[in-house]
Amino acid sequence: MQYKAYGKTGDKVSVLGFGAMRFPKVKGRVDSDLFVEMLKLAFDMGINYAGE
């Protein structure tokens, strides 16, 4: 994963983010099990930024 400095904070954020605007749904409700699985995989792959 590639990272870039975030302003003057010294923090590094991944150049790819986890889009959090639309979550997977089942019967009109958020599938929380699938969402958590997706988020864990993104984190394991080095993504440390989520946006909406």
PDB file of N, CA and C in Angstrom:
ATOM      1  N   MET A   1       0.854  -1.180   0.000  1.00  0.00           N
ATOM      2  CA  MET A   1       0.000   0.000   0.000  1.00  0.00           C
ATOM      3  C   MET A   1       0.892   1.232   0.000  1.00  0.00           C
ATOM      4  N   GLN A   2       0.472   2.222  -0.722  1.00  0.00           N
ATOM      5  CA  GLN A   2       1.190   3.495  -0.736  1.00  0.00           C
ATOM      6  C   GLN A   2       0.493   4.460   0.223  1.00  0.00           C
ATOM      7  N   TYR A   3       1.286   5.314   0.850  1.00  0.00           N
ATOM      8  CA  TYR A   3       0.768   6.280   1.815  1.00  0.00           C
ATOM      9  C   TYR A   3       1.285   7.674   1.486  1.00  0.00           C
ATOM     10  N   LYS A   4       0.542   8.666   1.904  1.00  0.00           N
ATOM     11  CA  LYS A   4       0.964  10.065   1.746  1.00  0.00           C
ATOM     12  C   LYS A   4       0.814  10.760   3.091  1.00  0.00           C
ATOM     13  N   ALA A   5       1.660  11.773   3.287  1.00  0.00           N
ATOM     14  CA  ALA A   5       1.579  12.553   4.524  1.00  0.00           C
ATOM     15  C   ALA A   5       0.268  13.343   4.551  1.00  0.00           C
ATOM     16  N   TYR A   6      -0.335  13.425   5.717  1.00  0.00           N
ATOM     17  CA  TYR A   6      -1.584  14.159   5.887  1.00  0.00           C
ATOM     18  C   TYR A   6      -1.268  15.527   6.489  1.00  0.00           C
ATOM     19  N   GLY A   7      -1.154  16.518   5.625  1.00  0.00           N
ATOM     20  CA  GLY A   7      -0.862  17.877   6.083  1.00  0.00           C
ATOM     21  C   GLY A   7       0.417  17.921   6.899  1.00  0.00           C
ATOM     22  N   LYS A   8       0.382  18.682   7.982  1.00  0.00           N
ATOM     23  CA  LYS A   8       1.553  18.835   8.852  1.00  0.00           C
ATOM     24  C   LYS A   8       1.459  17.945  10.093  1.00  0.00           C
ATOM     25  N   THR A   9       0.501  17.017  10.090  1.00  0.00           N
ATOM     26  CA  THR A   9       0.281  16.174  11.270  1.00  0.00           C
ATOM     27  C   THR A   9       1.346  15.111  11.441  1.00  0.00           C
ATOM     28  N   GLY A  10       2.003  14.734  10.350  1.00  0.00           N
ATOM     29  CA  GLY A  10       2.963  13.640  10.411  1.00  0.00           C
ATOM     30  C   GLY A  10       2.298  12.285  10.220  1.00  0.00           C
ATOM     31  N   ASP A  11       0.966  12.262  10.187  1.00  0.00           N
ATOM     32  CA  ASP A  11       0.247  11.013   9.948  1.00  0.00           C
ATOM     33  C   ASP A  11       0.362  10.627   8.489  1.00  0.00           C
ATOM     34  N   LYS A  12       0.328   9.339   8.222  1.00  0.00           N
ATOM     35  CA  LYS A  12       0.353   8.825   6.855  1.00  0.00           C
ATOM     36  C   LYS A  12      -1.002   8.171   6.580  1.00  0.00           C
ATOM     37  N   VAL A  13      -1.628   8.537   5.473  1.00  0.00           N
ATOM     38  CA  VAL A  13      -2.898   7.933   5.095  1.00  0.00           C
ATOM     39  C   VAL A  13      -2.718   7.186   3.779  1.00  0.00           C
ATOM     40  N   SER A  14      -3.466   6.109   3.642  1.00  0.00           N
ATOM     41  CA  SER A  14      -3.376   5.303   2.431  1.00  0.00           C
ATOM     42  C   SER A  14      -3.917   6.099   1.244  1.00  0.00           C
ATOM     43  N   VAL A  15      -3.290   5.887   0.075  1.00  0.00           N
ATOM     44  CA  VAL A  15      -3.741   6.599  -1.115  1.00  0.00           C
ATOM     45  C   VAL A  15      -5.093   6.059  -1.586  1.00  0.00           C
ATOM     46  N   LEU A  16      -5.432   4.846  -1.188  1.00  0.00           N
ATOM     47  CA  LEU A  16      -6.759   4.288  -1.439  1.00  0.00           C
ATOM     48  C   LEU A  16      -7.553   4.347  -0.140  1.00  0.00           C
ATOM     49  N   GLY A  17      -8.817   4.701  -0.257  1.00  0.00           N
ATOM     50  CA  GLY A  17      -9.669   4.758   0.916  1.00  0.00           C
ATOM     51  C   GLY A  17     -10.786   3.741   0.823  1.00  0.00           C
ATOM     52  N   PHE A  18     -11.430   3.515   1.933  1.00  0.00           N
ATOM     53  CA  PHE A  18     -12.586   2.618   1.990  1.00  0.00           C
ATOM     54  C   PHE A  18     -13.833   3.476   1.893  1.00  0.00           C
ATOM     55  N   GLY A  19     -14.535   3.378   0.771  1.00  0.00           N
ATOM     56  CA  GLY A  19     -15.757   4.153   0.585  1.00  0.00           C
ATOM     57  C   GLY A  19     -16.855   3.666   1.513  1.00  0.00           C
ATOM     58  N   ALA A  20     -17.388   4.555   2.297  1.00  0.00           N
ATOM     59  CA  ALA A  20     -18.373   4.146   3.300  1.00  0.00           C
ATOM     60  C   ALA A  20     -19.735   4.788   3.071  1.00  0.00           C
ATOM     61  N   MET A  21     -19.991   5.211   1.828  1.00  0.00           N
ATOM     62  CA  MET A  21     -21.272   5.855   1.570  1.00  0.00           C
ATOM     63  C   MET A  21     -22.410   4.840   1.430  1.00  0.00           C
ATOM     64  N   ARG A  22     -22.108   3.740   0.780  1.00  0.00           N
ATOM     65  CA  ARG A  22     -23.151   2.721   0.562  1.00  0.00           C
ATOM     66  C   ARG A  22     -22.682   1.387   1.125  1.00  0.00           C
ATOM     67  N   PHE A  23     -23.445   0.881   2.054  1.00  0.00           N
ATOM     68  CA  PHE A  23     -23.126  -0.405   2.657  1.00  0.00           C
ATOM     69  C   PHE A  23     -23.937  -1.501   1.971  1.00  0.00           C
ATOM     70  N   PRO A  24     -23.422  -2.752   1.968  1.00  0.00           N
ATOM     71  CA  PRO A  24     -24.193  -3.846   1.383  1.00  0.00           C
ATOM     72  C   PRO A  24     -25.478  -4.066   2.183  1.00  0.00           C
ATOM     73  N   LYS A  25     -26.563  -4.324   1.474  1.00  0.00           N
ATOM     74  CA  LYS A  25     -27.857  -4.493   2.146  1.00  0.00           C
ATOM     75  C   LYS A  25     -28.489  -5.827   1.801  1.00  0.00           C
ATOM     76  N   VAL A  26     -29.278  -6.321   2.739  1.00  0.00           N
ATOM     77  CA  VAL A  26     -30.100  -7.502   2.549  1.00  0.00           C
ATOM     78  C   VAL A  26     -31.499  -7.133   3.018  1.00  0.00           C
ATOM     79  N   LYS A  27     -32.467  -7.251   2.129  1.00  0.00           N
ATOM     80  CA  LYS A  27     -33.859  -6.923   2.451  1.00  0.00           C
ATOM     81  C   LYS A  27     -33.988  -5.508   3.016  1.00  0.00           C
ATOM     82  N   GLY A  28     -33.225  -4.570   2.442  1.00  0.00           N
ATOM     83  CA  GLY A  28     -33.333  -3.171   2.841  1.00  0.00           C
ATOM     84  C   GLY A  28     -32.579  -2.774   4.100  1.00  0.00           C
ATOM     85  N   ARG A  29     -31.905  -3.714   4.734  1.00  0.00           N
ATOM     86  CA  ARG A  29     -31.128  -3.420   5.952  1.00  0.00           C
ATOM     87  C   ARG A  29     -29.654  -3.683   5.697  1.00  0.00           C
ATOM     88  N   VAL A  30     -28.812  -2.924   6.360  1.00  0.00           N
ATOM     89  CA  VAL A  30     -27.365  -3.104   6.204  1.00  0.00           C
ATOM     90  C   VAL A  30     -26.974  -4.502   6.670  1.00  0.00           C
ATOM     91  N   ASP A  31     -26.220  -5.199   5.827  1.00  0.00           N
ATOM     92  CA  ASP A  31     -25.692  -6.520   6.181  1.00  0.00           C
ATOM     93  C   ASP A  31     -24.421  -6.295   6.997  1.00  0.00           C
ATOM     94  N   SER A  32     -24.569  -6.204   8.295  1.00  0.00           N
ATOM     95  CA  SER A  32     -23.439  -5.836   9.156  1.00  0.00           C
ATOM     96  C   SER A  32     -22.331  -6.882   9.137  1.00  0.00           C
ATOM     97  N   ASP A  33     -22.677  -8.150   9.002  1.00  0.00           N
ATOM     98  CA  ASP A  33     -21.638  -9.181   8.955  1.00  0.00           C
ATOM     99  C   ASP A  33     -20.752  -8.992   7.721  1.00  0.00           C
ATOM    100  N   LEU A  34     -21.363  -8.754   6.572  1.00  0.00           N
ATOM    101  CA  LEU A  34     -20.596  -8.544   5.343  1.00  0.00           C
ATOM    102  C   LEU A  34     -19.808  -7.244   5.413  1.00  0.00           C
ATOM    103  N   PHE A  35     -20.414  -6.201   5.963  1.00  0.00           N
ATOM    104  CA  PHE A  35     -19.716  -4.920   6.084  1.00  0.00           C
ATOM    105  C   PHE A  35     -18.466  -5.061   6.952  1.00  0.00           C
ATOM    106  N   VAL A  36     -18.590  -5.731   8.090  1.00  0.00           N
ATOM    107  CA  VAL A  36     -17.435  -5.912   8.985  1.00  0.00           C
ATOM    108  C   VAL A  36     -16.356  -6.727   8.288  1.00  0.00           C
ATOM    109  N   GLU A  37     -16.749  -7.756   7.550  1.00  0.00           N
ATOM    110  CA  GLU A  37     -15.785  -8.567   6.804  1.00  0.00           C
ATOM    111  C   GLU A  37     -15.031  -7.720   5.780  1.00  0.00           C
ATOM    112  N   MET A  38     -15.766  -6.866   5.070  1.00  0.00           N
ATOM    113  CA  MET A  38     -15.145  -5.988   4.060  1.00  0.00           C
ATOM    114  C   MET A  38     -14.183  -5.003   4.713  1.00  0.00           C
ATOM    115  N   LEU A  39     -14.589  -4.426   5.833  1.00  0.00           N
ATOM    116  CA  LEU A  39     -13.757  -3.451   6.523  1.00  0.00           C
ATOM    117  C   LEU A  39     -12.484  -4.092   7.071  1.00  0.00           C
ATOM    118  N   LYS A  40     -12.602  -5.285   7.634  1.00  0.00           N
ATOM    119  CA  LYS A  40     -11.421  -5.991   8.136  1.00  0.00           C
ATOM    120  C   LYS A  40     -10.440  -6.296   7.010  1.00  0.00           C
ATOM    121  N   LEU A  41     -10.964  -6.730   5.864  1.00  0.00           N
ATOM    122  CA  LEU A  41     -10.099  -7.033   4.722  1.00  0.00           C
ATOM    123  C   LEU A  41      -9.372  -5.772   4.250  1.00  0.00           C
ATOM    124  N   ALA A  42     -10.090  -4.661   4.157  1.00  0.00           N
ATOM    125  CA  ALA A  42      -9.466  -3.399   3.745  1.00  0.00           C
ATOM    126  C   ALA A  42      -8.357  -3.007   4.724  1.00  0.00           C
ATOM    127  N   PHE A  43      -8.632  -3.126   6.005  1.00  0.00           N
ATOM    128  CA  PHE A  43      -7.636  -2.793   7.031  1.00  0.00           C
ATOM    129  C   PHE A  43      -6.424  -3.716   6.918  1.00  0.00           C
ATOM    130  N   ASP A  44      -6.673  -5.015   6.727  1.00  0.00           N
ATOM    131  CA  ASP A  44      -5.567  -5.972   6.583  1.00  0.00           C
ATOM    132  C   ASP A  44      -4.710  -5.670   5.361  1.00  0.00           C
ATOM    133  N   MET A  45      -5.311  -5.068   4.338  1.00  0.00           N
ATOM    134  CA  MET A  45      -4.576  -4.732   3.121  1.00  0.00           C
ATOM    135  C   MET A  45      -3.871  -3.384   3.230  1.00  0.00           C
ATOM    136  N   GLY A  46      -4.017  -2.703   4.361  1.00  0.00           N
ATOM    137  CA  GLY A  46      -3.276  -1.465   4.591  1.00  0.00           C
ATOM    138  C   GLY A  46      -4.071  -0.191   4.451  1.00  0.00           C
ATOM    139  N   ILE A  47      -5.367  -0.287   4.140  1.00  0.00           N
ATOM    140  CA  ILE A  47      -6.182   0.923   4.027  1.00  0.00           C
ATOM    141  C   ILE A  47      -6.467   1.450   5.432  1.00  0.00           C
ATOM    142  N   ASN A  48      -6.170   2.717   5.637  1.00  0.00           N
ATOM    143  CA  ASN A  48      -6.406   3.309   6.954  1.00  0.00           C
ATOM    144  C   ASN A  48      -7.232   4.601   6.863  1.00  0.00           C
ATOM    145  N   TYR A  49      -7.899   4.782   5.719  1.00  0.00           N
ATOM    146  CA  TYR A  49      -8.713   5.968   5.520  1.00  0.00           C
ATOM    147  C   TYR A  49     -10.084   5.529   5.015  1.00  0.00           C
ATOM    148  N   ALA A  50     -11.140   6.042   5.620  1.00  0.00           N
ATOM    149  CA  ALA A  50     -12.501   5.753   5.163  1.00  0.00           C
ATOM    150  C   ALA A  50     -13.199   7.082   4.926  1.00  0.00           C
ATOM    151  N   GLY A  51     -13.897   7.176   3.836  1.00  0.00           N
ATOM    152  CA  GLY A  51     -14.633   8.392   3.505  1.00  0.00           C
ATOM    153  C   GLY A  51     -16.080   8.064   3.185  1.00  0.00           C
ATOM    154  N   GLU A  52     -16.874   9.109   3.038  1.00  0.00           N
ATOM    155  CA  GLU A  52     -18.264   8.847   2.681  1.00  0.00           C
ATOM    156  C   GLU A  52     -18.572   9.322   1.300  1.00  0.00           C
TER     157      GLU A  52
END
